[in-house]
N, C-alpha and C. Protein backbone atom coordinates (compact mmCIF):
# COMPACT_ATOMS: atom_id res chain seq x y z
N MET A 1 54.58 120.89 97.79
CA MET A 1 54.25 121.87 98.42
C MET A 1 52.19 120.96 98.21
N LEU A 2 51.83 120.02 97.66
CA LEU A 2 51.32 119.51 97.82
C LEU A 2 50.95 118.75 99.46
N TYR A 3 49.62 119.81 100.00
CA TYR A 3 49.40 119.16 101.17
C TYR A 3 48.74 119.98 101.03
N PRO A 4 46.64 119.69 102.20
CA PRO A 4 47.70 118.05 103.04
C PRO A 4 47.56 116.65 102.73
N LEU A 5 48.33 115.88 103.28
CA LEU A 5 48.60 114.69 102.94
C LEU A 5 47.31 113.67 103.09
N PRO A 6 47.26 112.57 102.65
CA PRO A 6 46.63 111.09 103.94
C PRO A 6 48.18 111.19 105.20
N CYS A 7 47.64 110.63 106.18
CA CYS A 7 49.00 110.06 107.15
C CYS A 7 48.68 108.72 107.30
N VAL A 8 49.09 107.38 106.86
CA VAL A 8 48.42 106.19 106.28
C VAL A 8 49.70 105.69 107.65
N MET A 9 50.19 104.54 108.18
CA MET A 9 50.56 103.06 109.11
C MET A 9 50.52 102.08 107.81
N VAL A 10 51.69 102.45 107.58
CA VAL A 10 52.20 100.75 106.30
C VAL A 10 52.27 99.72 107.19
N SER A 11 51.73 98.73 107.66
CA SER A 11 52.21 97.17 107.97
C SER A 11 52.73 96.43 106.70
N CYS A 12 53.83 96.00 107.32
CA CYS A 12 54.72 95.31 106.86
C CYS A 12 55.68 93.79 107.86
N GLN A 13 55.94 92.68 106.80
CA GLN A 13 56.55 91.56 107.97
C GLN A 13 56.95 90.76 106.85
N LYS A 14 58.34 90.00 107.45
CA LYS A 14 59.38 89.48 106.54
C LYS A 14 58.93 87.59 107.62
N PRO A 15 58.89 86.92 106.40
CA PRO A 15 58.18 85.49 107.24
C PRO A 15 59.44 85.23 108.38
N GLY A 16 58.61 84.88 109.97
CA GLY A 16 60.01 84.51 110.83
C GLY A 16 59.82 85.57 111.47
N GLN A 17 59.38 86.89 111.36
CA GLN A 17 59.93 87.75 112.52
C GLN A 17 58.32 88.78 112.49
N ARG A 18 59.67 89.55 113.55
CA ARG A 18 58.37 90.76 113.91
C ARG A 18 57.24 91.18 113.46
N PRO A 19 56.06 91.45 112.70
CA PRO A 19 55.41 92.52 111.97
C PRO A 19 56.35 93.96 112.37
N ASN A 20 55.85 95.07 111.25
CA ASN A 20 56.27 96.71 112.19
C ASN A 20 55.98 97.28 111.16
N ILE A 21 55.54 98.07 111.69
CA ILE A 21 55.19 99.66 111.43
C ILE A 21 55.66 100.75 111.05
N ILE A 22 55.49 101.28 110.20
CA ILE A 22 55.93 102.76 109.23
C ILE A 22 54.78 104.19 109.16
N THR A 23 55.06 105.14 109.33
CA THR A 23 54.33 105.79 109.00
C THR A 23 54.98 106.19 107.62
N VAL A 24 53.80 106.78 106.95
CA VAL A 24 53.96 107.29 105.34
C VAL A 24 52.82 108.31 105.47
N ALA A 25 53.67 109.07 104.91
CA ALA A 25 52.61 110.83 103.99
C ALA A 25 52.93 110.72 102.69
N TRP A 26 53.54 110.01 101.69
CA TRP A 26 53.58 109.99 100.46
C TRP A 26 53.34 108.71 100.58
N THR A 27 51.89 109.01 99.85
CA THR A 27 51.19 108.23 99.78
C THR A 27 50.05 108.84 98.48
N GLY A 28 49.19 107.54 98.15
CA GLY A 28 48.01 107.86 96.98
C GLY A 28 47.57 107.38 96.13
N THR A 29 46.43 107.30 95.36
CA THR A 29 45.77 106.39 94.42
C THR A 29 46.72 106.78 92.81
N VAL A 30 46.72 105.81 92.35
CA VAL A 30 47.26 105.96 91.16
C VAL A 30 46.76 105.71 89.37
N CYS A 31 45.06 104.79 90.51
CA CYS A 31 44.81 104.08 89.39
C CYS A 31 43.41 103.42 89.85
N SER A 32 42.81 103.48 88.96
CA SER A 32 41.68 103.50 89.78
C SER A 32 40.86 101.78 89.02
N ASP A 33 41.06 101.50 87.74
CA ASP A 33 41.43 99.97 86.93
C ASP A 33 42.11 99.31 86.25
N PRO A 34 43.34 99.03 87.00
CA PRO A 34 43.09 98.45 88.15
C PRO A 34 43.40 99.03 89.37
N ALA A 35 42.81 98.62 89.83
CA ALA A 35 43.73 99.63 91.48
C ALA A 35 44.90 99.49 91.68
N MET A 36 45.57 100.82 91.79
CA MET A 36 47.05 100.65 92.00
C MET A 36 47.15 101.77 92.82
N VAL A 37 48.07 102.01 94.19
CA VAL A 37 48.16 103.08 94.98
C VAL A 37 49.75 102.95 95.01
N TYR A 38 50.93 103.75 95.59
CA TYR A 38 52.00 103.92 96.00
C TYR A 38 52.55 104.35 97.59
N ILE A 39 53.85 104.06 97.88
CA ILE A 39 53.85 104.53 99.05
C ILE A 39 56.09 105.01 98.25
N SER A 40 56.32 106.29 99.26
CA SER A 40 57.37 105.90 98.81
C SER A 40 57.91 106.13 100.56
N VAL A 41 58.91 105.61 100.25
CA VAL A 41 59.97 104.65 101.40
C VAL A 41 61.47 105.77 101.66
N ARG A 42 62.08 106.64 102.33
CA ARG A 42 63.54 106.25 102.41
C ARG A 42 64.74 104.80 102.43
N PRO A 43 65.00 104.56 101.33
CA PRO A 43 65.88 103.30 101.44
C PRO A 43 66.59 102.88 103.21
N GLU A 44 67.26 103.81 103.91
CA GLU A 44 67.24 104.08 105.29
C GLU A 44 66.06 103.02 106.21
N ARG A 45 65.15 103.39 105.80
CA ARG A 45 64.42 102.95 106.69
C ARG A 45 64.55 101.54 107.18
N TYR A 46 64.42 101.01 108.04
CA TYR A 46 64.20 99.60 108.60
C TYR A 46 62.53 98.87 107.60
N SER A 47 62.20 99.22 107.02
CA SER A 47 60.34 98.71 106.34
C SER A 47 61.68 98.23 104.96
N HIS A 48 61.82 99.71 104.93
CA HIS A 48 62.76 99.63 103.02
C HIS A 48 62.72 98.42 102.53
N GLU A 49 63.65 97.58 103.53
CA GLU A 49 64.50 96.75 102.78
C GLU A 49 63.42 95.58 103.70
N ILE A 50 62.36 95.56 104.20
CA ILE A 50 61.05 94.33 104.46
C ILE A 50 60.43 94.27 102.73
N LEU A 51 59.76 95.53 102.71
CA LEU A 51 59.36 95.78 101.36
C LEU A 51 59.82 95.15 100.11
N CYS A 52 61.17 95.66 100.17
CA CYS A 52 62.01 95.15 98.45
C CYS A 52 61.46 93.51 98.80
N SER A 53 62.00 93.12 99.87
CA SER A 53 62.47 90.75 100.24
C SER A 53 61.63 91.27 100.44
N THR A 54 59.82 90.94 101.14
CA THR A 54 58.51 91.07 100.42
C THR A 54 58.15 90.97 99.34
N GLY A 55 57.57 92.62 98.71
CA GLY A 55 56.78 92.81 97.63
C GLY A 55 55.06 93.22 97.95
N GLU A 56 55.43 93.45 99.29
CA GLU A 56 53.80 93.70 100.00
C GLU A 56 53.77 94.38 101.41
N PHE A 57 52.62 94.57 101.29
CA PHE A 57 52.47 95.51 102.47
C PHE A 57 50.87 95.70 102.71
N VAL A 58 50.75 96.29 103.75
CA VAL A 58 49.22 97.07 104.27
C VAL A 58 49.02 98.64 103.98
N ILE A 59 48.41 98.87 103.60
CA ILE A 59 48.53 101.05 104.14
C ILE A 59 47.17 100.45 105.10
N ASN A 60 47.43 100.82 106.00
CA ASN A 60 46.39 101.05 107.31
C ASN A 60 45.92 102.87 107.87
N LEU A 61 44.61 103.31 107.11
CA LEU A 61 43.91 104.44 107.85
C LEU A 61 44.05 104.41 108.72
N VAL A 62 44.25 105.88 109.19
CA VAL A 62 44.57 106.76 110.32
C VAL A 62 43.15 107.43 110.38
N SER A 63 42.73 107.06 111.71
CA SER A 63 41.66 107.84 112.01
C SER A 63 41.96 108.66 113.71
N GLU A 64 41.27 109.69 113.54
CA GLU A 64 41.85 110.62 114.48
C GLU A 64 42.37 109.63 116.30
N LYS A 65 41.84 108.27 116.36
CA LYS A 65 41.86 108.07 117.49
C LYS A 65 43.81 107.48 117.60
N LEU A 66 44.06 107.06 116.25
CA LEU A 66 45.48 106.45 116.32
C LEU A 66 46.45 107.20 115.51
N THR A 67 45.92 109.29 115.91
CA THR A 67 47.35 109.42 115.18
C THR A 67 48.36 109.35 116.17
N GLY A 68 48.10 109.08 117.74
CA GLY A 68 49.70 109.45 118.24
C GLY A 68 49.88 107.99 118.37
N SER A 69 49.60 106.63 118.05
CA SER A 69 49.96 105.46 117.43
C SER A 69 51.27 106.54 116.46
N MET A 70 50.28 106.44 115.16
CA MET A 70 50.57 107.18 114.66
C MET A 70 52.06 107.46 114.28
N ASP A 71 51.39 108.38 114.71
CA ASP A 71 52.95 109.74 115.08
C ASP A 71 54.04 108.85 115.78
N TYR A 72 54.34 108.39 117.01
CA TYR A 72 55.05 106.48 117.29
C TYR A 72 56.16 106.10 116.13
N CYS A 73 55.12 105.50 115.42
CA CYS A 73 55.42 104.32 114.79
C CYS A 73 56.20 105.08 113.28
N GLY A 74 56.47 107.04 113.46
CA GLY A 74 57.22 107.71 112.74
C GLY A 74 58.33 107.92 113.26
N VAL A 75 58.25 108.25 114.58
CA VAL A 75 60.05 108.53 114.88
C VAL A 75 60.53 108.05 115.65
N LYS A 76 59.61 106.94 115.95
CA LYS A 76 60.27 105.19 116.71
C LYS A 76 60.48 104.15 115.25
N SER A 77 62.46 103.32 115.32
CA SER A 77 62.63 102.54 114.08
C SER A 77 62.07 100.73 114.59
N GLY A 78 61.63 100.40 113.73
CA GLY A 78 61.13 98.90 114.25
C GLY A 78 62.33 98.11 114.08
N ARG A 79 64.21 98.74 114.22
CA ARG A 79 64.49 98.20 114.54
C ARG A 79 65.44 97.67 115.90
N ASP A 80 64.75 98.86 116.86
CA ASP A 80 64.85 98.90 117.43
C ASP A 80 63.13 98.75 118.73
N VAL A 81 62.25 98.82 118.11
CA VAL A 81 60.85 98.70 119.39
C VAL A 81 60.38 97.73 118.06
N ASP A 82 59.26 97.41 118.74
CA ASP A 82 58.38 96.54 118.74
C ASP A 82 57.12 97.08 118.35
N LYS A 83 56.85 98.30 117.43
CA LYS A 83 55.24 99.22 117.37
C LYS A 83 54.37 98.86 117.40
N PHE A 84 53.79 97.82 117.54
CA PHE A 84 52.42 97.10 117.53
C PHE A 84 51.88 96.67 119.42
N ALA A 85 53.34 96.39 119.86
CA ALA A 85 53.06 95.90 121.27
C ALA A 85 53.67 97.48 121.88
N ALA A 86 54.30 98.21 121.58
CA ALA A 86 54.47 99.77 122.36
C ALA A 86 53.13 100.86 121.74
N CYS A 87 52.69 100.39 121.02
CA CYS A 87 51.58 101.07 120.84
C CYS A 87 50.43 100.95 120.95
N HIS A 88 49.49 99.10 121.99
CA HIS A 88 49.00 98.58 122.03
C HIS A 88 47.83 98.38 120.59
N LEU A 89 48.73 97.85 119.52
CA LEU A 89 47.64 97.81 118.52
C LEU A 89 47.84 96.34 118.19
N THR A 90 47.09 95.71 117.30
CA THR A 90 46.54 94.23 117.45
C THR A 90 46.55 94.38 116.03
N ALA A 91 47.88 93.09 115.49
CA ALA A 91 48.24 93.04 114.09
C ALA A 91 47.41 91.37 113.35
N ILE A 92 47.01 91.47 112.88
CA ILE A 92 46.25 90.35 112.37
C ILE A 92 46.38 90.03 110.84
N PRO A 93 45.53 88.52 110.55
CA PRO A 93 45.96 88.46 108.70
C PRO A 93 44.81 89.06 107.78
N SER A 94 45.88 89.81 106.93
CA SER A 94 45.54 90.37 106.14
C SER A 94 44.36 88.45 104.69
N GLN A 95 43.93 89.08 104.34
CA GLN A 95 43.45 88.07 103.47
C GLN A 95 43.50 87.89 101.91
N THR A 96 44.36 88.62 101.24
CA THR A 96 45.01 88.49 100.19
C THR A 96 46.86 88.34 100.27
N VAL A 97 47.79 89.06 101.41
CA VAL A 97 49.04 89.44 101.78
C VAL A 97 49.53 89.20 103.00
N LYS A 98 50.73 88.32 102.68
CA LYS A 98 51.02 88.13 104.08
C LYS A 98 51.02 89.14 105.46
N ALA A 99 51.87 89.79 104.70
CA ALA A 99 51.59 91.56 105.54
C ALA A 99 50.54 91.06 106.85
N PRO A 100 50.59 91.48 108.16
CA PRO A 100 49.41 91.92 108.75
C PRO A 100 48.59 93.06 108.83
N SER A 101 47.42 93.38 109.25
CA SER A 101 47.03 94.74 108.92
C SER A 101 46.56 95.04 110.30
N ILE A 102 46.34 96.38 110.05
CA ILE A 102 46.05 97.27 111.90
C ILE A 102 44.18 96.88 112.10
N ALA A 103 43.78 95.89 113.14
CA ALA A 103 42.99 95.36 113.42
C ALA A 103 42.62 97.27 113.95
N GLU A 104 42.54 97.58 114.46
CA GLU A 104 42.26 98.98 114.84
C GLU A 104 42.01 99.88 114.36
N SER A 105 42.99 99.79 112.37
CA SER A 105 42.20 100.94 111.78
C SER A 105 41.03 100.86 110.97
N PRO A 106 39.62 102.00 110.28
CA PRO A 106 39.39 101.36 109.93
C PRO A 106 39.08 101.66 108.78
N VAL A 107 40.03 101.52 108.13
CA VAL A 107 40.74 101.27 106.35
C VAL A 107 41.70 100.33 106.01
N CYS A 108 42.07 98.77 105.73
CA CYS A 108 43.41 98.26 105.46
C CYS A 108 43.19 98.42 103.97
N ILE A 109 44.62 98.37 102.62
CA ILE A 109 44.23 98.36 101.41
C ILE A 109 45.16 97.42 101.66
N GLU A 110 45.19 96.07 101.09
CA GLU A 110 46.44 95.09 100.94
C GLU A 110 47.10 95.20 99.67
N CYS A 111 48.68 95.57 99.63
CA CYS A 111 49.19 96.24 98.67
C CYS A 111 49.54 94.84 98.25
N ALA A 112 50.15 94.45 96.71
CA ALA A 112 51.30 93.28 96.17
C ALA A 112 52.09 94.53 95.31
N VAL A 113 53.39 94.37 95.45
CA VAL A 113 53.80 95.86 94.91
C VAL A 113 54.67 95.02 93.27
N GLU A 114 53.85 96.35 92.57
CA GLU A 114 54.65 96.14 91.09
C GLU A 114 55.84 96.36 90.62
N GLN A 115 55.72 97.42 91.23
CA GLN A 115 57.31 97.76 90.88
C GLN A 115 57.99 98.92 91.95
N MET A 116 59.57 99.25 91.83
CA MET A 116 59.89 100.17 92.77
C MET A 116 60.98 100.86 92.30
N ILE A 117 60.26 102.16 92.07
CA ILE A 117 60.82 102.96 90.81
C ILE A 117 62.47 103.91 92.19
N LYS A 118 63.08 104.16 92.13
CA LYS A 118 64.53 105.26 92.72
C LYS A 118 64.03 106.05 91.85
N LEU A 119 64.21 107.22 93.23
CA LEU A 119 63.32 108.35 92.89
C LEU A 119 64.67 109.36 93.28
N GLY A 120 64.90 109.03 94.02
CA GLY A 120 65.95 110.22 95.06
C GLY A 120 65.86 109.72 96.23
N SER A 121 65.64 110.65 96.99
CA SER A 121 65.32 111.06 99.13
C SER A 121 64.48 109.06 99.31
N HIS A 122 63.60 109.19 98.61
CA HIS A 122 62.80 107.58 98.24
C HIS A 122 62.56 107.10 97.73
N ASP A 123 62.49 105.63 97.40
CA ASP A 123 62.23 105.11 96.83
C ASP A 123 60.34 104.28 96.68
N MET A 124 59.83 104.80 95.12
CA MET A 124 58.47 104.90 95.31
C MET A 124 58.30 103.44 95.19
N PHE A 125 57.09 102.43 95.92
CA PHE A 125 56.74 101.48 95.82
C PHE A 125 55.41 100.84 95.38
N LEU A 126 55.10 101.38 93.91
CA LEU A 126 53.88 101.52 93.10
C LEU A 126 53.43 100.24 93.46
N ALA A 127 51.86 100.00 93.69
CA ALA A 127 51.55 98.38 94.56
C ALA A 127 49.91 98.16 93.63
N ARG A 128 49.73 96.80 92.91
CA ARG A 128 48.46 96.91 93.19
C ARG A 128 47.38 96.65 94.51
N VAL A 129 46.43 97.01 94.56
CA VAL A 129 45.63 96.49 95.67
C VAL A 129 44.90 94.88 95.22
N THR A 130 45.19 94.55 96.73
CA THR A 130 44.67 93.28 95.98
C THR A 130 43.52 92.63 97.20
N GLY A 131 43.67 93.45 97.73
CA GLY A 131 42.53 93.46 98.54
C GLY A 131 41.96 94.39 100.26
N VAL A 132 41.09 94.73 100.17
CA VAL A 132 40.35 95.60 101.53
C VAL A 132 39.47 95.82 101.80
N THR A 133 39.64 95.79 103.75
CA THR A 133 38.92 95.22 104.39
C THR A 133 38.56 96.78 105.32
N VAL A 134 37.59 96.64 105.54
CA VAL A 134 36.49 98.53 105.92
C VAL A 134 35.77 97.66 107.34
N ASP A 135 36.09 98.33 108.72
CA ASP A 135 35.43 98.92 109.10
C ASP A 135 33.65 99.30 109.34
N GLU A 136 33.03 97.60 110.29
CA GLU A 136 31.66 97.56 109.66
C GLU A 136 31.15 99.09 110.17
N ASP A 137 31.24 99.79 110.95
CA ASP A 137 30.60 100.81 111.38
C ASP A 137 30.82 101.94 109.80
N LEU A 138 31.58 101.91 109.08
CA LEU A 138 31.44 102.67 107.61
C LEU A 138 30.90 102.10 106.90
N LEU A 139 30.13 101.51 107.35
CA LEU A 139 28.96 100.74 106.61
C LEU A 139 27.58 101.06 106.71
N ASP A 140 26.57 101.57 105.64
CA ASP A 140 25.38 102.02 106.30
C ASP A 140 24.17 101.10 106.11
N GLU A 141 23.12 100.83 106.52
CA GLU A 141 21.87 99.53 106.81
C GLU A 141 21.64 99.52 105.23
N LYS A 142 22.44 99.71 103.85
CA LYS A 142 22.01 99.51 102.99
C LYS A 142 24.05 98.84 102.04
N GLY A 143 24.84 99.04 103.07
CA GLY A 143 26.18 98.16 103.23
C GLY A 143 26.85 99.55 101.77
N ALA A 144 26.48 100.33 102.03
CA ALA A 144 27.09 101.96 101.52
C ALA A 144 28.06 102.11 102.29
N PHE A 145 29.02 102.22 101.29
CA PHE A 145 30.32 102.73 102.41
C PHE A 145 30.32 104.48 102.71
N HIS A 146 30.44 104.81 103.93
CA HIS A 146 31.14 106.09 104.20
C HIS A 146 32.20 106.68 105.26
N LEU A 147 33.10 106.81 104.10
CA LEU A 147 34.68 107.05 104.60
C LEU A 147 34.49 107.94 105.58
N ASN A 148 33.89 109.16 105.41
CA ASN A 148 33.79 110.42 106.15
C ASN A 148 33.59 110.50 107.69
N ARG A 149 32.72 109.07 107.91
CA ARG A 149 33.16 108.53 109.35
C ARG A 149 33.94 108.02 109.72
N ALA A 150 35.02 108.07 109.37
CA ALA A 150 36.06 107.72 109.85
C ALA A 150 36.93 108.91 111.12
N SER A 151 37.00 109.60 110.44
CA SER A 151 37.64 111.24 110.65
C SER A 151 38.53 110.61 110.66
N LEU A 152 39.46 110.43 109.50
CA LEU A 152 40.45 110.19 109.14
C LEU A 152 41.72 111.62 109.64
N THR A 153 42.64 111.42 109.82
CA THR A 153 43.98 112.30 110.50
C THR A 153 45.03 112.71 108.74
N SER A 154 45.36 113.56 108.15
CA SER A 154 46.03 114.43 107.36
C SER A 154 46.86 114.57 107.94
N TYR A 155 47.68 115.20 107.21
CA TYR A 155 49.66 116.33 107.60
C TYR A 155 49.71 117.18 106.67
N SER A 156 50.23 118.13 107.70
CA SER A 156 50.32 119.19 106.64
C SER A 156 51.93 120.27 107.20
N HIS A 157 52.54 119.99 106.52
CA HIS A 157 54.33 121.23 107.24
C HIS A 157 54.27 120.25 108.75
N GLY A 158 54.46 119.07 108.99
CA GLY A 158 54.92 118.89 110.28
C GLY A 158 53.62 119.00 111.17
N THR A 159 52.11 118.97 111.15
CA THR A 159 51.50 119.32 111.89
C THR A 159 49.69 117.70 111.62
N TYR A 160 49.33 117.34 112.30
CA TYR A 160 48.33 116.34 112.07
C TYR A 160 46.86 117.25 111.85
N LEU A 161 45.62 116.61 111.19
CA LEU A 161 44.81 117.65 111.28
C LEU A 161 43.82 116.61 110.68
N SER A 162 42.73 117.30 111.17
CA SER A 162 40.73 116.69 110.83
C SER A 162 40.98 117.07 109.89
N PRO A 163 39.86 116.11 109.38
CA PRO A 163 38.73 116.61 108.09
C PRO A 163 38.15 117.94 108.57
N GLY A 164 37.91 119.02 107.55
CA GLY A 164 36.90 120.13 107.98
C GLY A 164 35.68 119.68 107.55
N LYS A 165 35.37 121.02 107.68
CA LYS A 165 33.54 121.30 106.95
C LYS A 165 33.45 120.80 105.39
N ILE A 166 32.40 120.01 104.68
CA ILE A 166 32.10 119.81 103.74
C ILE A 166 32.06 121.53 103.00
N LEU A 167 33.01 121.72 102.08
CA LEU A 167 32.46 122.57 100.87
C LEU A 167 31.21 122.24 99.95
N GLY A 168 31.47 121.01 99.49
CA GLY A 168 30.78 120.70 98.34
C GLY A 168 31.13 119.37 97.56
N THR A 169 30.40 118.49 96.78
CA THR A 169 30.28 117.01 96.34
C THR A 169 30.42 117.92 95.10
N PHE A 170 31.29 116.02 94.65
CA PHE A 170 31.34 116.20 93.02
C PHE A 170 30.23 116.52 92.24
N GLY A 171 30.75 116.87 91.76
CA GLY A 171 29.67 117.96 90.82
C GLY A 171 28.91 118.84 90.85
N TYR A 172 29.10 119.46 91.92
CA TYR A 172 28.34 121.02 92.63
C TYR A 172 28.30 121.94 91.84
N SER A 173 29.14 121.92 91.57
CA SER A 173 29.55 123.49 90.50
C SER A 173 28.57 123.59 89.15
N VAL A 174 28.59 122.37 88.96
CA VAL A 174 27.16 122.47 87.10
C VAL A 174 26.52 122.26 88.41
N ARG A 175 26.16 121.44 89.07
CA ARG A 175 24.72 121.54 89.07
C ARG A 175 23.87 123.10 90.16
N LYS A 176 25.15 123.26 90.15
CA LYS A 176 24.09 125.00 90.87
C LYS A 176 24.39 125.97 89.69
N ARG A 177 25.20 125.63 88.85
CA ARG A 177 25.03 126.94 87.74
C ARG A 177 22.98 126.47 86.66
N ASN A 178 23.26 124.93 86.82
CA ASN A 178 21.95 124.58 86.25
C ASN A 178 20.82 125.13 86.84
N ASN A 179 21.06 125.14 88.14
CA ASN A 179 19.72 125.22 89.26
C ASN A 179 19.38 126.35 89.27
N SER A 180 20.85 127.63 89.37
CA SER A 180 20.65 129.30 89.26
C SER A 180 19.64 129.60 88.05
N LYS A 181 19.40 129.12 86.69
CA LYS A 181 19.83 129.65 85.44
C LYS A 181 17.69 129.89 85.84
N ARG A 182 17.52 130.35 85.73
CA ARG A 182 15.98 131.43 84.84
C ARG A 182 15.73 131.03 83.61
N ARG A 183 14.49 130.70 84.05
CA ARG A 183 13.61 131.26 82.46
C ARG A 183 12.93 132.27 81.86
N HIS A 184 13.07 132.56 81.09
CA HIS A 184 12.52 133.92 80.33
C HIS A 184 11.96 133.56 79.06
N LYS A 185 10.25 133.96 79.52
CA LYS A 185 9.81 134.43 78.30
C LYS A 185 9.89 135.21 77.23
């Protein structure tokens, strides 16, 4: 019941085979130092065995423009179709892992599996972030990163969503209280 979730395209590849993409909504950050993330994948999925054998993958964030491709990659199996070709996506070399990144993704997070934990319906791949590539359009003239410019897609109970309006920024509730206090003499 913890919705909405990010929905991402995870790319992976066995040496000498075509690259594959799996759509994942069970994903997130688990630690900031060292930077670590997780994805959870059903053992029967085609990509599961690739992840187990290579121990690496790339989390490719999904913009509104990529939502159709992300949905396609979630309903078609890499056993049957070349998802990069079918979605007209570009597999590009990653910086730190052999799994390719998706060129059209605004942010590509390269990951090395530290541990695989069998949980039940899904196995969780706990991974260290080894590299990150971001679209230059997400950087301002000073090099500051602005992820909100990416128009990322999220998922809630079978529905894809676009981010809504800004409700506040980190710490706004404290700043608001401090600013609203009146001084009495």
